[in-house]
Structure formats: structure tokens, C-alpha cells
Amino acid sequence: VIESLLDKFRGPVASIVVKKGKLSIGDKLNCEGIGGKVKALISDSGLQLKTTLPSTPVEILGLEKVVPVGATIKSGEPIAISSTTSTPFLSPLEALVESRKKKDKLRVVIKADVAGSLEAVLANLPEKVEVISSGTGEVTESDVKTAKIVGAPILGFNTKVSGQVTKFAEREGVIIQNYRVIYELLDDLTDAIAGIAQEKEKSR
């Protein structure tokens, strides 16, 4: 998998290069416990294919979820395994419990346009940042509800925010900040953590 994203209209999309064998419409897929069936194969020139051979880049439609960048997709039924590359989503109740446990950390919700961007952001976060939930695709009302419960901002990277969600966030008092450059997002987090440390020092 060289790229992975959640398309609003097409669902999970994976850009891949076949290394071995061939891939055809209707084939069952298994990628780190995520299943699916090939519903469409689209070439880099936009052509609909029925099958693809080794060394051919192609987009796959039909996966159940967004798969990790760098993962290997195989044929057959999925076998569930634990994942160490993604951040698990916490229910609002779990998020509330976690926020009470870790009051010394800056809690955030992270959304990114594609899995590769999300992984880059998560891999470079400052130590004192606590990610309550993360994912790819547009910011949703569910993200806003989770952020409100723990008092966290939503930080987006090249992700879309509809007018409806923006208005909902304003009503709920949740900050949504979108970035186009990763280092700007990381710099803002570093500055925020420094500000929290200064406030704690003053209150002693």
C-alpha cells in the first residue's frame, strides 16, 4: 500500500503496486485483519481494469476500512491481529476517564486527509500530547462531541470541515484548527505545551 484514504463517495481507497501474482475484480482481500472484496481496479490513468499484474500501480475499491500505508494486502479471508500503527478510538466515556488520569498532558483530536499524513503527524507529536482519537477524512460531529467531553481542540491536516460541522463546533465551544504544513501543527503544539508548563510554574 503506497497511499490510503477514505473517500466521501467511494469509501476506503488504497493505492497499491502488485508485487506478486495478479489481482482481479471479485478477489477477497486481507490486510492486517481488514477484509474486503475488490469492487473496482483503477489504473493511474483512470481506466477501469478487470485484472492487474505485477509492477502495476492501481487503486482498489472494496476494502472495509482504511488500511495502513506500507502494509501488505494479500488474497483470502482476513485474520484479526493487533495493530501498533494506529491510535485506537476512545468512546466518550473512556476519553473522560483518560482525561482525568492524565491532567498534565495536552489532549487533542487529530484528523488528516490520508493515512500517510496521519502517521507522519502521530509519529512526530511532542511527548506531552495525548491523542484522544485520530483518523482520516473529514471532521465529523462525532469528533466534535468527543473533543467537547475532554476539552480538546481538533487539529486537522489538509482535511475538510463542512459548514454544518463548523457551526456545530462553534455552538459546542470546540476549536477546530486546520493546517497545510505539518511542522506548523507541531510547532503550535510545542508552544501550547510550553504555555501550560509556564502556567503550572506560576501557580506553585
Protein backbone atom coordinates (compact mmCIF):
# COMPACT_ATOMS: atom_id res chain seq x y z
CA VAL A 1 0.00 0.00 0.00
CA ILE A 2 1.57 3.28 -1.11
CA GLU A 3 -1.37 5.52 -0.21
CA SER A 4 -4.63 5.09 1.66
CA LEU A 5 -7.62 7.34 2.27
CA LEU A 6 -11.33 7.48 3.00
CA ASP A 7 -13.23 8.95 0.06
CA LYS A 8 -16.60 10.52 0.88
CA PHE A 9 -18.29 8.88 -2.09
CA ARG A 10 -16.17 5.79 -2.85
CA GLY A 11 -15.35 4.65 0.68
CA PRO A 12 -11.89 3.30 1.64
CA VAL A 13 -9.43 3.60 -1.25
CA ALA A 14 -5.96 2.04 -1.37
CA SER A 15 -3.29 2.83 -3.96
CA ILE A 16 -1.07 -0.22 -4.39
CA VAL A 17 1.60 -1.81 -6.55
CA VAL A 18 1.21 -5.52 -7.18
CA LYS A 19 4.41 -7.36 -6.23
CA LYS A 20 3.41 -10.95 -6.84
CA GLY A 21 0.62 -12.77 -8.67
CA LYS A 22 -2.35 -10.86 -10.04
CA LEU A 23 -5.38 -9.05 -8.67
CA SER A 24 -8.83 -9.28 -10.21
CA ILE A 25 -12.34 -7.95 -9.67
CA GLY A 26 -14.10 -10.08 -7.04
CA ASP A 27 -10.92 -11.24 -5.26
CA LYS A 28 -11.18 -11.35 -1.47
CA LEU A 29 -8.67 -9.19 0.40
CA ASN A 30 -6.82 -9.45 3.70
CA CYS A 31 -4.73 -6.58 5.05
CA GLU A 32 -3.68 -6.76 8.72
CA GLY A 33 -7.07 -8.05 9.82
CA ILE A 34 -9.05 -5.78 7.49
CA GLY A 35 -11.10 -7.62 4.90
CA GLY A 36 -12.90 -6.75 1.71
CA LYS A 37 -13.52 -7.72 -1.88
CA VAL A 38 -12.18 -5.98 -4.97
CA LYS A 39 -15.07 -3.94 -6.39
CA ALA A 40 -13.01 -1.80 -8.76
CA LEU A 41 -9.46 -1.55 -10.08
CA ILE A 42 -8.49 1.86 -11.45
CA SER A 43 -5.23 2.49 -13.31
CA ASP A 44 -3.08 5.59 -12.79
CA SER A 45 -4.62 6.97 -16.00
CA GLY A 46 -8.16 6.49 -14.66
CA LEU A 47 -9.05 3.36 -16.66
CA GLN A 48 -11.28 0.66 -15.15
CA LEU A 49 -9.42 -2.66 -15.15
CA LYS A 50 -10.62 -6.24 -14.70
CA THR A 51 -7.23 -7.55 -13.56
CA THR A 52 -3.77 -6.19 -12.82
CA LEU A 53 -0.32 -7.80 -12.99
CA PRO A 54 2.96 -7.27 -11.05
CA SER A 55 4.63 -3.82 -11.07
CA THR A 56 1.31 -2.17 -11.98
CA PRO A 57 0.12 0.74 -9.81
CA VAL A 58 -3.62 0.70 -9.26
CA GLU A 59 -6.36 1.96 -6.92
CA ILE A 60 -8.50 -0.64 -5.14
CA LEU A 61 -12.09 -0.06 -4.05
CA GLY A 62 -13.88 -2.53 -1.79
CA LEU A 63 -11.88 -2.64 1.44
CA GLU A 64 -13.90 -2.49 4.66
CA LYS A 65 -11.66 0.15 6.28
CA VAL A 66 -8.73 2.43 5.52
CA VAL A 67 -5.58 0.29 5.60
CA PRO A 68 -2.13 1.40 6.88
CA VAL A 69 0.37 2.83 4.41
CA GLY A 70 3.19 0.33 3.89
CA ALA A 71 1.01 -2.67 4.75
CA THR A 72 0.81 -5.73 2.50
CA ILE A 73 -2.54 -6.76 1.02
CA LYS A 74 -2.98 -10.48 0.45
CA SER A 75 -5.74 -12.58 -1.05
CA GLY A 76 -8.09 -14.56 1.16
CA GLU A 77 -10.11 -14.03 4.33
CA PRO A 78 -8.69 -11.67 7.00
CA ILE A 79 -7.22 -12.89 10.26
CA ALA A 80 -7.62 -10.34 13.03
CA ILE A 81 -4.33 -9.16 14.53
CA SER A 82 -3.39 -6.35 16.85
CA SER A 83 -2.23 -3.14 15.22
CA THR A 84 0.58 -0.96 16.54
CA THR A 85 0.43 1.70 13.84
CA SER A 86 -2.92 3.33 14.57
CA THR A 87 -4.36 5.17 17.53
CA PRO A 88 -7.45 3.40 18.96
CA PHE A 89 -10.62 5.47 19.14
CA LEU A 90 -11.88 6.06 22.65
CA SER A 91 -15.58 6.25 23.41
CA PRO A 92 -16.66 9.50 25.11
CA LEU A 93 -16.77 7.74 28.49
CA GLU A 94 -13.31 6.21 28.03
CA ALA A 95 -11.97 9.56 26.88
CA LEU A 96 -13.34 11.23 30.01
CA VAL A 97 -11.67 8.64 32.25
CA GLU A 98 -8.37 9.02 30.40
CA SER A 99 -8.51 12.81 30.62
CA ARG A 100 -8.80 12.61 34.40
CA LYS A 101 -5.84 10.25 34.59
CA LYS A 102 -3.52 12.47 32.55
CA LYS A 103 -4.16 16.08 33.51
CA ASP A 104 -0.53 17.04 32.84
CA LYS A 105 -0.89 16.35 29.12
CA LEU A 106 -2.38 18.38 26.27
CA ARG A 107 -5.33 16.43 24.91
CA VAL A 108 -6.12 16.69 21.18
CA VAL A 109 -8.19 15.09 18.44
CA ILE A 110 -6.22 14.60 15.19
CA LYS A 111 -7.73 14.29 11.71
CA ALA A 112 -5.78 14.08 8.43
CA ASP A 113 -6.56 13.78 4.75
CA VAL A 114 -4.87 10.40 4.21
CA ALA A 115 -3.28 7.65 6.32
CA GLY A 116 0.26 8.62 5.31
CA SER A 117 -0.22 12.17 6.60
CA LEU A 118 -1.84 10.91 9.81
CA GLU A 119 1.06 8.56 10.51
CA ALA A 120 3.56 11.37 9.94
CA VAL A 121 1.75 13.65 12.39
CA LEU A 122 1.33 10.98 15.08
CA ALA A 123 4.97 9.87 14.79
CA ASN A 124 6.27 13.39 15.50
CA LEU A 125 3.97 14.62 18.25
CA PRO A 126 5.60 16.13 21.35
CA GLU A 127 5.79 13.81 24.35
CA LYS A 128 3.24 15.76 26.40
CA VAL A 129 0.47 15.45 23.80
CA GLU A 130 -2.31 12.95 24.50
CA VAL A 131 -4.25 11.90 21.38
CA ILE A 132 -7.84 11.18 22.38
CA SER A 133 -8.80 9.99 18.91
CA SER A 134 -7.36 10.14 15.40
CA GLY A 135 -8.47 9.27 11.92
CA THR A 136 -8.60 10.19 8.25
CA GLY A 137 -11.29 12.02 6.31
CA GLU A 138 -13.50 14.98 7.10
CA VAL A 139 -14.02 16.28 10.62
CA THR A 140 -17.40 14.99 11.82
CA GLU A 141 -19.91 15.91 14.51
CA SER A 142 -18.79 12.78 16.35
CA ASP A 143 -15.26 14.20 16.50
CA VAL A 144 -16.67 17.44 17.91
CA LYS A 145 -18.66 15.60 20.60
CA THR A 146 -15.59 13.62 21.68
CA ALA A 147 -13.44 16.78 21.75
CA LYS A 148 -16.02 18.64 23.85
CA ILE A 149 -16.20 15.95 26.53
CA VAL A 150 -12.46 16.14 27.24
CA GLY A 151 -11.97 19.81 26.45
CA ALA A 152 -9.69 19.10 23.50
CA PRO A 153 -9.17 21.02 20.25
CA ILE A 154 -9.49 19.27 16.90
CA LEU A 155 -6.33 19.61 14.81
CA GLY A 156 -6.72 18.84 11.13
CA PHE A 157 -4.09 18.37 8.45
CA ASN A 158 -5.35 19.05 4.91
CA THR A 159 -8.76 17.75 5.95
CA LYS A 160 -12.17 19.16 5.11
CA VAL A 161 -14.64 20.67 7.56
CA SER A 162 -18.18 21.25 6.35
CA GLY A 163 -20.08 24.40 7.22
CA GLN A 164 -22.53 22.32 9.26
CA VAL A 165 -19.73 20.82 11.39
CA THR A 166 -18.09 24.23 11.79
CA LYS A 167 -21.33 25.73 13.13
CA PHE A 168 -21.85 22.72 15.41
CA ALA A 169 -18.33 23.12 16.82
CA GLU A 170 -18.93 26.82 17.44
CA ARG A 171 -22.12 26.02 19.36
CA GLU A 172 -20.31 23.39 21.41
CA GLY A 173 -17.30 25.63 22.09
CA VAL A 174 -14.83 23.30 20.34
CA ILE A 175 -11.83 24.75 18.47
CA ILE A 176 -11.06 23.32 15.03
CA GLN A 177 -7.68 24.32 13.59
CA ASN A 178 -6.66 23.14 10.13
CA TYR A 179 -3.06 23.06 8.89
CA ARG A 180 -1.41 22.73 5.48
CA VAL A 181 2.15 22.18 6.74
CA ILE A 182 2.98 19.51 9.35
CA TYR A 183 5.75 21.46 11.09
CA GLU A 184 3.34 24.36 11.73
CA LEU A 185 0.98 21.97 13.52
CA LEU A 186 3.84 20.52 15.57
CA ASP A 187 5.25 23.98 16.39
CA ASP A 188 1.86 25.14 17.68
CA LEU A 189 1.62 22.05 19.90
CA THR A 190 5.11 22.66 21.27
CA ASP A 191 4.23 26.29 22.05
CA ALA A 192 0.98 25.22 23.73
CA ILE A 193 2.79 22.72 25.94
CA ALA A 194 5.34 25.37 26.90
CA GLY A 195 2.48 27.68 27.83
CA ILE A 196 0.91 25.01 30.04
CA ALA A 197 4.23 24.43 31.82
CA GLN A 198 4.61 28.17 32.49
CA GLU A 199 1.10 28.41 33.91
CA LYS A 200 1.81 25.47 36.25
CA GLU A 201 5.04 27.12 37.40
CA LYS A 202 3.24 30.39 38.16
CA SER A 203 0.54 28.60 40.18
CA ARG A 204 3.07 26.94 42.51
